[in-house]
Amino acid sequence: MPVSQGILVAILGFGVVFFMLCILWAVIAIVARIEAVLAAKKKVAAEAEAPAAAAATATPNEVAYGSEVQLYDVDEKTAACIMAIVSDETKIPLAELKFKSIKSI
């Protein structure tokens, strides 16, 4: 086999290997995107079911406040605003906070 034909076979071999690597990369990228979409759908479905399940088992005051809250000289709207501000400032979800009492100073 002449040298020019050997070089041509080597280049063709490298080309086939490179082409197959590109196809493999494309398949992996497609599978990763499909998996990400399915995981996102599963997460959204789980988040949608969690509050519904909690609301079904808890009383209305537990849903709104997390526990029974004693209010002293504060209306419910102001108490709700205070709880929302505390939750936002501390970056703790409102469902994880437990307020015992709120009073005006």
N, C-alpha and C. Protein backbone atom coordinates (compact mmCIF):
# COMPACT_ATOMS: atom_id res chain seq x y z
N MET A 1 0.85 -1.16 0.00
CA MET A 1 0.00 0.00 0.00
C MET A 1 0.91 1.24 0.00
N PRO A 2 0.65 2.14 -0.92
CA PRO A 2 1.47 3.35 -0.98
C PRO A 2 1.18 4.26 0.21
N VAL A 3 2.09 5.16 0.47
CA VAL A 3 2.00 6.08 1.61
C VAL A 3 0.75 6.97 1.49
N SER A 4 0.45 7.46 0.32
CA SER A 4 -0.71 8.35 0.15
C SER A 4 -2.01 7.61 0.47
N GLN A 5 -2.09 6.34 0.10
CA GLN A 5 -3.29 5.56 0.41
C GLN A 5 -3.37 5.29 1.91
N GLY A 6 -2.26 5.05 2.57
CA GLY A 6 -2.23 4.84 4.02
C GLY A 6 -2.68 6.08 4.78
N ILE A 7 -2.23 7.25 4.31
CA ILE A 7 -2.64 8.51 4.95
C ILE A 7 -4.14 8.71 4.78
N LEU A 8 -4.65 8.40 3.58
CA LEU A 8 -6.08 8.53 3.32
C LEU A 8 -6.91 7.60 4.22
N VAL A 9 -6.46 6.36 4.42
CA VAL A 9 -7.14 5.42 5.30
C VAL A 9 -7.09 5.93 6.75
N ALA A 10 -5.96 6.47 7.18
CA ALA A 10 -5.84 6.99 8.55
C ALA A 10 -6.78 8.18 8.76
N ILE A 11 -6.83 9.08 7.80
CA ILE A 11 -7.72 10.25 7.91
C ILE A 11 -9.18 9.80 7.93
N LEU A 12 -9.52 8.84 7.08
CA LEU A 12 -10.89 8.31 7.07
C LEU A 12 -11.23 7.65 8.41
N GLY A 13 -10.29 6.91 8.98
CA GLY A 13 -10.51 6.27 10.28
C GLY A 13 -10.72 7.30 11.38
N PHE A 14 -9.87 8.35 11.42
CA PHE A 14 -10.06 9.42 12.41
C PHE A 14 -11.40 10.11 12.21
N GLY A 15 -11.80 10.31 10.97
CA GLY A 15 -13.08 10.96 10.67
C GLY A 15 -14.25 10.14 11.17
N VAL A 16 -14.21 8.84 10.98
CA VAL A 16 -15.29 7.97 11.45
C VAL A 16 -15.37 8.00 12.97
N VAL A 17 -14.24 7.92 13.63
CA VAL A 17 -14.21 7.96 15.10
C VAL A 17 -14.76 9.30 15.60
N PHE A 18 -14.32 10.40 15.00
CA PHE A 18 -14.78 11.73 15.40
C PHE A 18 -16.29 11.87 15.17
N PHE A 19 -16.78 11.39 14.04
CA PHE A 19 -18.21 11.44 13.73
C PHE A 19 -19.01 10.65 14.76
N MET A 20 -18.56 9.47 15.13
CA MET A 20 -19.27 8.65 16.11
C MET A 20 -19.25 9.31 17.49
N LEU A 21 -18.14 9.98 17.84
CA LEU A 21 -18.09 10.71 19.12
C LEU A 21 -19.10 11.85 19.12
N CYS A 22 -19.26 12.53 17.99
CA CYS A 22 -20.26 13.61 17.90
C CYS A 22 -21.67 13.07 18.06
N ILE A 23 -21.95 11.94 17.45
CA ILE A 23 -23.27 11.32 17.59
C ILE A 23 -23.51 10.92 19.04
N LEU A 24 -22.52 10.35 19.70
CA LEU A 24 -22.65 9.95 21.10
C LEU A 24 -22.91 11.17 21.98
N TRP A 25 -22.18 12.26 21.72
CA TRP A 25 -22.38 13.50 22.48
C TRP A 25 -23.82 14.00 22.30
N ALA A 26 -24.34 13.97 21.08
CA ALA A 26 -25.70 14.44 20.81
C ALA A 26 -26.73 13.58 21.54
N VAL A 27 -26.54 12.27 21.55
CA VAL A 27 -27.47 11.38 22.24
C VAL A 27 -27.45 11.66 23.73
N ILE A 28 -26.29 11.84 24.31
CA ILE A 28 -26.18 12.13 25.75
C ILE A 28 -26.84 13.46 26.07
N ALA A 29 -26.66 14.47 25.23
CA ALA A 29 -27.28 15.78 25.46
C ALA A 29 -28.79 15.69 25.39
N ILE A 30 -29.32 14.94 24.45
CA ILE A 30 -30.77 14.78 24.31
C ILE A 30 -31.35 14.05 25.52
N VAL A 31 -30.71 13.00 25.95
CA VAL A 31 -31.19 12.24 27.11
C VAL A 31 -31.13 13.11 28.37
N ALA A 32 -30.08 13.92 28.52
CA ALA A 32 -29.97 14.79 29.69
C ALA A 32 -31.09 15.82 29.70
N ARG A 33 -31.44 16.39 28.56
CA ARG A 33 -32.53 17.37 28.51
C ARG A 33 -33.87 16.71 28.82
N ILE A 34 -34.10 15.54 28.30
CA ILE A 34 -35.35 14.83 28.58
C ILE A 34 -35.45 14.53 30.07
N GLU A 35 -34.37 14.09 30.67
CA GLU A 35 -34.36 13.79 32.10
C GLU A 35 -34.61 15.05 32.92
N ALA A 36 -34.03 16.18 32.52
CA ALA A 36 -34.24 17.43 33.24
C ALA A 36 -35.69 17.88 33.16
N VAL A 37 -36.31 17.73 32.01
CA VAL A 37 -37.71 18.11 31.85
C VAL A 37 -38.60 17.21 32.71
N LEU A 38 -38.35 15.92 32.71
CA LEU A 38 -39.15 15.00 33.52
C LEU A 38 -38.97 15.27 35.02
N ALA A 39 -37.74 15.59 35.43
CA ALA A 39 -37.49 15.90 36.84
C ALA A 39 -38.21 17.19 37.24
N ALA A 40 -38.22 18.18 36.36
CA ALA A 40 -38.91 19.43 36.66
C ALA A 40 -40.41 19.20 36.78
N LYS A 41 -40.98 18.38 35.89
CA LYS A 41 -42.41 18.08 35.97
C LYS A 41 -42.74 17.34 37.26
N LYS A 42 -41.87 16.41 37.66
CA LYS A 42 -42.09 15.66 38.89
C LYS A 42 -42.01 16.58 40.10
N LYS A 43 -41.08 17.54 40.08
CA LYS A 43 -40.92 18.47 41.19
C LYS A 43 -42.14 19.37 41.30
N VAL A 44 -42.64 19.88 40.18
CA VAL A 44 -43.82 20.74 40.18
C VAL A 44 -45.03 19.96 40.70
N ALA A 45 -45.17 18.72 40.27
CA ALA A 45 -46.29 17.90 40.74
C ALA A 45 -46.20 17.65 42.24
N ALA A 46 -44.99 17.39 42.73
CA ALA A 46 -44.81 17.15 44.17
C ALA A 46 -45.11 18.41 44.98
N GLU A 47 -44.67 19.58 44.47
CA GLU A 47 -44.93 20.83 45.18
C GLU A 47 -46.42 21.17 45.17
N ALA A 48 -47.11 20.79 44.11
CA ALA A 48 -48.54 21.06 44.04
C ALA A 48 -49.32 20.16 44.99
N GLU A 49 -48.86 18.94 45.21
CA GLU A 49 -49.55 18.01 46.10
C GLU A 49 -49.28 18.29 47.57
N ALA A 50 -48.10 18.79 47.91
CA ALA A 50 -47.73 18.99 49.31
C ALA A 50 -48.64 20.00 50.03
N PRO A 51 -48.87 21.20 49.49
CA PRO A 51 -49.76 22.13 50.20
C PRO A 51 -51.19 21.61 50.28
N ALA A 52 -51.65 20.91 49.27
CA ALA A 52 -53.01 20.37 49.30
C ALA A 52 -53.14 19.34 50.42
N ALA A 53 -52.15 18.50 50.59
CA ALA A 53 -52.18 17.50 51.65
C ALA A 53 -52.11 18.15 53.02
N ALA A 54 -51.29 19.20 53.16
CA ALA A 54 -51.17 19.89 54.44
C ALA A 54 -52.46 20.63 54.77
N ALA A 55 -53.08 21.23 53.77
CA ALA A 55 -54.32 21.96 54.00
C ALA A 55 -55.45 21.02 54.39
N ALA A 56 -55.43 19.81 53.87
CA ALA A 56 -56.50 18.85 54.17
C ALA A 56 -56.41 18.34 55.60
N THR A 57 -55.22 18.28 56.18
CA THR A 57 -55.06 17.73 57.52
C THR A 57 -55.01 18.78 58.61
N ALA A 58 -54.78 20.03 58.27
CA ALA A 58 -54.63 21.07 59.28
C ALA A 58 -55.91 21.88 59.42
N THR A 59 -56.05 22.52 60.60
CA THR A 59 -57.19 23.43 60.79
C THR A 59 -56.88 24.74 60.09
N PRO A 60 -57.88 25.59 59.86
CA PRO A 60 -57.62 26.86 59.17
C PRO A 60 -56.59 27.74 59.86
N ASN A 61 -56.58 27.80 61.22
CA ASN A 61 -55.58 28.61 61.90
C ASN A 61 -54.18 28.05 61.72
N GLU A 62 -54.04 26.73 61.67
CA GLU A 62 -52.72 26.14 61.47
C GLU A 62 -52.20 26.41 60.07
N VAL A 63 -53.09 26.45 59.09
CA VAL A 63 -52.66 26.76 57.73
C VAL A 63 -52.20 28.20 57.64
N ALA A 64 -52.96 29.10 58.28
CA ALA A 64 -52.64 30.52 58.16
C ALA A 64 -51.43 30.91 59.00
N TYR A 65 -51.31 30.36 60.21
CA TYR A 65 -50.28 30.83 61.12
C TYR A 65 -49.23 29.79 61.47
N GLY A 66 -49.44 28.54 61.21
CA GLY A 66 -48.52 27.49 61.59
C GLY A 66 -48.84 26.95 62.97
N SER A 67 -49.49 27.74 63.83
CA SER A 67 -49.96 27.31 65.15
C SER A 67 -50.90 28.40 65.66
N GLU A 68 -51.48 28.18 66.81
CA GLU A 68 -52.38 29.17 67.39
C GLU A 68 -51.56 30.36 67.89
N VAL A 69 -51.95 31.56 67.47
CA VAL A 69 -51.22 32.78 67.82
C VAL A 69 -52.11 33.66 68.68
N GLN A 70 -51.55 34.13 69.78
CA GLN A 70 -52.27 35.06 70.65
C GLN A 70 -51.97 36.48 70.16
N LEU A 71 -53.02 37.24 69.87
CA LEU A 71 -52.86 38.62 69.40
C LEU A 71 -53.28 39.59 70.49
N TYR A 72 -52.38 40.53 70.84
CA TYR A 72 -52.64 41.53 71.85
C TYR A 72 -52.59 42.91 71.20
N ASP A 73 -53.74 43.58 71.13
CA ASP A 73 -53.87 44.92 70.53
C ASP A 73 -53.37 44.97 69.09
N VAL A 74 -53.53 43.86 68.35
CA VAL A 74 -53.11 43.79 66.95
C VAL A 74 -54.22 43.08 66.18
N ASP A 75 -54.63 43.67 65.04
CA ASP A 75 -55.64 43.00 64.24
C ASP A 75 -54.97 41.90 63.39
N GLU A 76 -55.80 41.03 62.83
CA GLU A 76 -55.27 39.88 62.09
C GLU A 76 -54.48 40.29 60.85
N LYS A 77 -54.91 41.33 60.17
CA LYS A 77 -54.21 41.79 58.96
C LYS A 77 -52.80 42.25 59.29
N THR A 78 -52.66 43.02 60.36
CA THR A 78 -51.33 43.48 60.78
C THR A 78 -50.46 42.32 61.22
N ALA A 79 -51.04 41.35 61.94
CA ALA A 79 -50.29 40.18 62.36
C ALA A 79 -49.80 39.38 61.16
N ALA A 80 -50.65 39.24 60.16
CA ALA A 80 -50.25 38.52 58.95
C ALA A 80 -49.11 39.23 58.24
N CYS A 81 -49.17 40.57 58.20
CA CYS A 81 -48.07 41.33 57.57
C CYS A 81 -46.77 41.16 58.34
N ILE A 82 -46.86 41.19 59.66
CA ILE A 82 -45.66 41.02 60.49
C ILE A 82 -45.04 39.65 60.26
N MET A 83 -45.88 38.62 60.23
CA MET A 83 -45.37 37.27 60.00
C MET A 83 -44.74 37.13 58.62
N ALA A 84 -45.34 37.75 57.62
CA ALA A 84 -44.77 37.69 56.27
C ALA A 84 -43.44 38.41 56.20
N ILE A 85 -43.32 39.55 56.87
CA ILE A 85 -42.06 40.30 56.88
C ILE A 85 -40.97 39.51 57.59
N VAL A 86 -41.30 38.90 58.73
CA VAL A 86 -40.31 38.09 59.45
C VAL A 86 -39.85 36.93 58.60
N SER A 87 -40.78 36.28 57.93
CA SER A 87 -40.44 35.15 57.07
C SER A 87 -39.53 35.60 55.93
N ASP A 88 -39.85 36.75 55.33
CA ASP A 88 -39.05 37.24 54.20
C ASP A 88 -37.65 37.66 54.65
N GLU A 89 -37.55 38.36 55.75
CA GLU A 89 -36.26 38.85 56.22
C GLU A 89 -35.34 37.71 56.69
N THR A 90 -35.91 36.69 57.30
CA THR A 90 -35.09 35.58 57.79
C THR A 90 -34.88 34.50 56.74
N LYS A 91 -35.61 34.59 55.62
CA LYS A 91 -35.53 33.60 54.53
C LYS A 91 -35.93 32.20 55.01
N ILE A 92 -36.82 32.17 56.01
CA ILE A 92 -37.36 30.91 56.51
C ILE A 92 -38.81 30.84 56.02
N PRO A 93 -39.23 29.73 55.43
CA PRO A 93 -40.61 29.63 54.97
C PRO A 93 -41.59 29.82 56.13
N LEU A 94 -42.71 30.46 55.83
CA LEU A 94 -43.70 30.76 56.86
C LEU A 94 -44.22 29.50 57.53
N ALA A 95 -44.29 28.40 56.80
CA ALA A 95 -44.78 27.15 57.38
C ALA A 95 -43.84 26.59 58.44
N GLU A 96 -42.57 26.99 58.41
CA GLU A 96 -41.61 26.48 59.39
C GLU A 96 -41.49 27.38 60.62
N LEU A 97 -42.07 28.58 60.58
CA LEU A 97 -42.03 29.49 61.72
C LEU A 97 -43.23 29.22 62.62
N LYS A 98 -43.03 29.40 63.92
CA LYS A 98 -44.12 29.24 64.88
C LYS A 98 -44.18 30.50 65.73
N PHE A 99 -45.25 31.24 65.59
CA PHE A 99 -45.47 32.45 66.35
C PHE A 99 -46.36 32.11 67.55
N LYS A 100 -45.94 32.51 68.74
CA LYS A 100 -46.73 32.25 69.93
C LYS A 100 -47.66 33.41 70.22
N SER A 101 -47.13 34.62 70.13
CA SER A 101 -47.98 35.79 70.38
C SER A 101 -47.39 36.99 69.65
N ILE A 102 -48.27 37.93 69.35
CA ILE A 102 -47.87 39.19 68.73
C ILE A 102 -48.60 40.28 69.47
N LYS A 103 -47.84 41.28 69.96
CA LYS A 103 -48.51 42.37 70.68
C LYS A 103 -47.90 43.69 70.27
N SER A 104 -48.72 44.70 70.36
CA SER A 104 -48.31 46.05 70.01
C SER A 104 -47.51 46.65 71.17
N ILE A 105 -46.43 47.34 70.83
CA ILE A 105 -45.59 47.96 71.88
C ILE A 105 -45.79 49.45 71.86
